[in-house]
Amino acid sequence: MKKNMGRLDRIIRLLAALAVIILYLTHTISGLIATILLIVAGLFVATSFMSFCPVYLPFGLSTYRKTKKS
């Protein structure tokens, strides 16, 4: 898998996942919507750690920028 997620993209996904988890733990969300959001949050965490988003592939998107090493 080739990286296609930049640092900011990964941070935003982790923060969104954290927000969903907090909402769930404080019982602000519940039921089916909570289950769906928790699954999405799990996917966000997984893709953040892999730096790869499979949804970007068909569209040819990438937020990853290679750094130049001296």
N, C-alpha and C. Protein backbone atom coordinates (compact mmCIF):
# COMPACT_ATOMS: atom_id res chain seq x y z
N MET A 1 0.84 -1.19 0.00
CA MET A 1 0.00 0.00 0.00
C MET A 1 0.88 1.24 0.00
N LYS A 2 0.61 2.09 -0.93
CA LYS A 2 1.34 3.35 -1.03
C LYS A 2 0.63 4.40 -0.19
N LYS A 3 1.38 5.15 0.59
CA LYS A 3 0.79 6.19 1.43
C LYS A 3 0.06 7.22 0.58
N ASN A 4 -1.14 7.60 1.03
CA ASN A 4 -1.87 8.65 0.31
C ASN A 4 -2.56 9.63 1.26
N MET A 5 -2.15 9.60 2.53
CA MET A 5 -2.73 10.51 3.52
C MET A 5 -1.62 11.33 4.17
N GLY A 6 -1.80 12.62 4.18
CA GLY A 6 -0.85 13.52 4.80
C GLY A 6 -1.06 13.62 6.31
N ARG A 7 -0.17 14.33 6.94
CA ARG A 7 -0.19 14.47 8.40
C ARG A 7 -1.47 15.15 8.89
N LEU A 8 -1.86 16.25 8.26
CA LEU A 8 -3.06 16.97 8.68
C LEU A 8 -4.31 16.10 8.51
N ASP A 9 -4.38 15.38 7.42
CA ASP A 9 -5.51 14.48 7.16
C ASP A 9 -5.62 13.44 8.27
N ARG A 10 -4.49 12.87 8.66
CA ARG A 10 -4.49 11.84 9.71
C ARG A 10 -4.90 12.43 11.06
N ILE A 11 -4.41 13.63 11.36
CA ILE A 11 -4.75 14.27 12.64
C ILE A 11 -6.25 14.58 12.70
N ILE A 12 -6.80 15.09 11.62
CA ILE A 12 -8.23 15.41 11.59
C ILE A 12 -9.07 14.15 11.81
N ARG A 13 -8.67 13.06 11.15
CA ARG A 13 -9.41 11.80 11.32
C ARG A 13 -9.33 11.29 12.76
N LEU A 14 -8.16 11.39 13.37
CA LEU A 14 -8.02 10.94 14.76
C LEU A 14 -8.85 11.80 15.71
N LEU A 15 -8.88 13.11 15.47
CA LEU A 15 -9.69 13.99 16.32
C LEU A 15 -11.19 13.72 16.14
N ALA A 16 -11.61 13.44 14.91
CA ALA A 16 -13.01 13.11 14.66
C ALA A 16 -13.38 11.81 15.36
N ALA A 17 -12.50 10.83 15.30
CA ALA A 17 -12.75 9.55 15.98
C ALA A 17 -12.82 9.75 17.49
N LEU A 18 -11.93 10.57 18.02
CA LEU A 18 -11.93 10.86 19.45
C LEU A 18 -13.23 11.54 19.87
N ALA A 19 -13.71 12.46 19.04
CA ALA A 19 -14.97 13.16 19.34
C ALA A 19 -16.14 12.17 19.39
N VAL A 20 -16.19 11.23 18.46
CA VAL A 20 -17.26 10.23 18.44
C VAL A 20 -17.19 9.36 19.69
N ILE A 21 -15.99 8.95 20.05
CA ILE A 21 -15.83 8.11 21.25
C ILE A 21 -16.27 8.86 22.50
N ILE A 22 -15.91 10.12 22.61
CA ILE A 22 -16.33 10.92 23.77
C ILE A 22 -17.85 11.07 23.80
N LEU A 23 -18.45 11.35 22.64
CA LEU A 23 -19.91 11.47 22.58
C LEU A 23 -20.59 10.17 23.01
N TYR A 24 -20.01 9.04 22.61
CA TYR A 24 -20.59 7.75 22.98
C TYR A 24 -20.44 7.49 24.48
N LEU A 25 -19.26 7.77 25.01
CA LEU A 25 -19.02 7.51 26.43
C LEU A 25 -19.82 8.42 27.36
N THR A 26 -20.18 9.60 26.87
CA THR A 26 -21.00 10.52 27.67
C THR A 26 -22.50 10.33 27.40
N HIS A 27 -22.81 9.29 26.64
CA HIS A 27 -24.20 8.93 26.31
C HIS A 27 -24.95 10.03 25.56
N THR A 28 -24.20 10.84 24.82
CA THR A 28 -24.81 11.86 23.99
C THR A 28 -25.41 11.22 22.74
N ILE A 29 -24.74 10.18 22.24
CA ILE A 29 -25.27 9.43 21.11
C ILE A 29 -25.50 7.99 21.55
N SER A 30 -26.51 7.36 20.97
CA SER A 30 -26.80 5.97 21.32
C SER A 30 -27.56 5.32 20.17
N GLY A 31 -27.78 4.06 20.31
CA GLY A 31 -28.55 3.32 19.32
C GLY A 31 -27.79 3.06 18.03
N LEU A 32 -28.55 2.97 16.95
CA LEU A 32 -27.98 2.63 15.64
C LEU A 32 -26.98 3.69 15.16
N ILE A 33 -27.30 4.94 15.36
CA ILE A 33 -26.39 6.01 14.92
C ILE A 33 -25.06 5.93 15.66
N ALA A 34 -25.09 5.58 16.93
CA ALA A 34 -23.85 5.44 17.70
C ALA A 34 -23.02 4.28 17.15
N THR A 35 -23.68 3.18 16.83
CA THR A 35 -22.98 2.03 16.28
C THR A 35 -22.32 2.37 14.95
N ILE A 36 -23.05 3.04 14.09
CA ILE A 36 -22.51 3.42 12.79
C ILE A 36 -21.33 4.37 12.95
N LEU A 37 -21.48 5.38 13.82
CA LEU A 37 -20.40 6.34 14.04
C LEU A 37 -19.18 5.70 14.67
N LEU A 38 -19.38 4.72 15.55
CA LEU A 38 -18.24 4.03 16.15
C LEU A 38 -17.50 3.20 15.11
N ILE A 39 -18.21 2.60 14.18
CA ILE A 39 -17.56 1.85 13.11
C ILE A 39 -16.74 2.80 12.23
N VAL A 40 -17.33 3.93 11.88
CA VAL A 40 -16.62 4.93 11.08
C VAL A 40 -15.40 5.44 11.84
N ALA A 41 -15.54 5.67 13.14
CA ALA A 41 -14.41 6.12 13.95
C ALA A 41 -13.30 5.08 13.95
N GLY A 42 -13.66 3.82 14.04
CA GLY A 42 -12.66 2.74 13.98
C GLY A 42 -11.93 2.73 12.65
N LEU A 43 -12.67 2.94 11.56
CA LEU A 43 -12.05 3.02 10.24
C LEU A 43 -11.12 4.23 10.14
N PHE A 44 -11.53 5.34 10.71
CA PHE A 44 -10.69 6.54 10.72
C PHE A 44 -9.38 6.28 11.46
N VAL A 45 -9.46 5.62 12.59
CA VAL A 45 -8.25 5.33 13.36
C VAL A 45 -7.34 4.39 12.57
N ALA A 46 -7.92 3.35 11.99
CA ALA A 46 -7.12 2.38 11.23
C ALA A 46 -6.43 3.04 10.03
N THR A 47 -7.19 3.84 9.28
CA THR A 47 -6.59 4.48 8.10
C THR A 47 -5.55 5.52 8.51
N SER A 48 -5.75 6.15 9.65
CA SER A 48 -4.77 7.14 10.12
C SER A 48 -3.44 6.48 10.44
N PHE A 49 -3.48 5.33 11.09
CA PHE A 49 -2.23 4.66 11.44
C PHE A 49 -1.55 4.04 10.24
N MET A 50 -2.31 3.66 9.22
CA MET A 50 -1.73 3.08 8.00
C MET A 50 -1.31 4.16 7.00
N SER A 51 -1.79 5.38 7.18
CA SER A 51 -1.55 6.49 6.25
C SER A 51 -2.06 6.15 4.86
N PHE A 52 -3.10 5.34 4.80
CA PHE A 52 -3.66 4.90 3.53
C PHE A 52 -5.18 4.90 3.60
N CYS A 53 -5.82 5.57 2.64
CA CYS A 53 -7.28 5.60 2.57
C CYS A 53 -7.71 4.95 1.26
N PRO A 54 -8.37 3.80 1.32
CA PRO A 54 -8.78 3.13 0.08
C PRO A 54 -9.81 3.92 -0.72
N VAL A 55 -10.55 4.81 -0.10
CA VAL A 55 -11.55 5.62 -0.82
C VAL A 55 -10.86 6.61 -1.76
N TYR A 56 -9.64 7.01 -1.44
CA TYR A 56 -8.91 7.95 -2.28
C TYR A 56 -8.47 7.32 -3.61
N LEU A 57 -8.25 6.01 -3.64
CA LEU A 57 -7.70 5.34 -4.82
C LEU A 57 -8.50 5.55 -6.10
N PRO A 58 -9.81 5.27 -6.13
CA PRO A 58 -10.54 5.42 -7.39
C PRO A 58 -10.54 6.85 -7.94
N PHE A 59 -10.37 7.81 -7.05
CA PHE A 59 -10.40 9.21 -7.45
C PHE A 59 -8.99 9.77 -7.70
N GLY A 60 -7.97 8.98 -7.42
CA GLY A 60 -6.60 9.44 -7.62
C GLY A 60 -6.19 10.54 -6.66
N LEU A 61 -6.81 10.60 -5.50
CA LEU A 61 -6.51 11.64 -4.52
C LEU A 61 -5.34 11.25 -3.63
N SER A 62 -4.64 12.23 -3.15
CA SER A 62 -3.56 12.02 -2.20
C SER A 62 -3.29 13.34 -1.48
N THR A 63 -3.20 13.26 -0.17
CA THR A 63 -2.82 14.43 0.62
C THR A 63 -1.40 14.25 1.17
N TYR A 64 -0.76 13.16 0.79
CA TYR A 64 0.58 12.85 1.25
C TYR A 64 1.62 13.59 0.43
N ARG A 65 2.55 14.22 1.11
CA ARG A 65 3.65 14.90 0.44
C ARG A 65 4.95 14.29 0.92
N LYS A 66 5.75 13.88 -0.01
CA LYS A 66 7.05 13.29 0.33
C LYS A 66 7.98 14.40 0.80
N THR A 67 8.74 14.11 1.84
CA THR A 67 9.72 15.08 2.33
C THR A 67 11.06 14.79 1.66
N LYS A 68 11.75 15.86 1.36
CA LYS A 68 13.07 15.73 0.74
C LYS A 68 14.11 15.53 1.82
N LYS A 69 14.91 14.49 1.64
CA LYS A 69 15.99 14.23 2.60
C LYS A 69 17.31 14.70 1.99
N SER A 70 18.08 15.41 2.81
CA SER A 70 19.35 15.96 2.31
C SER A 70 20.41 14.91 2.29
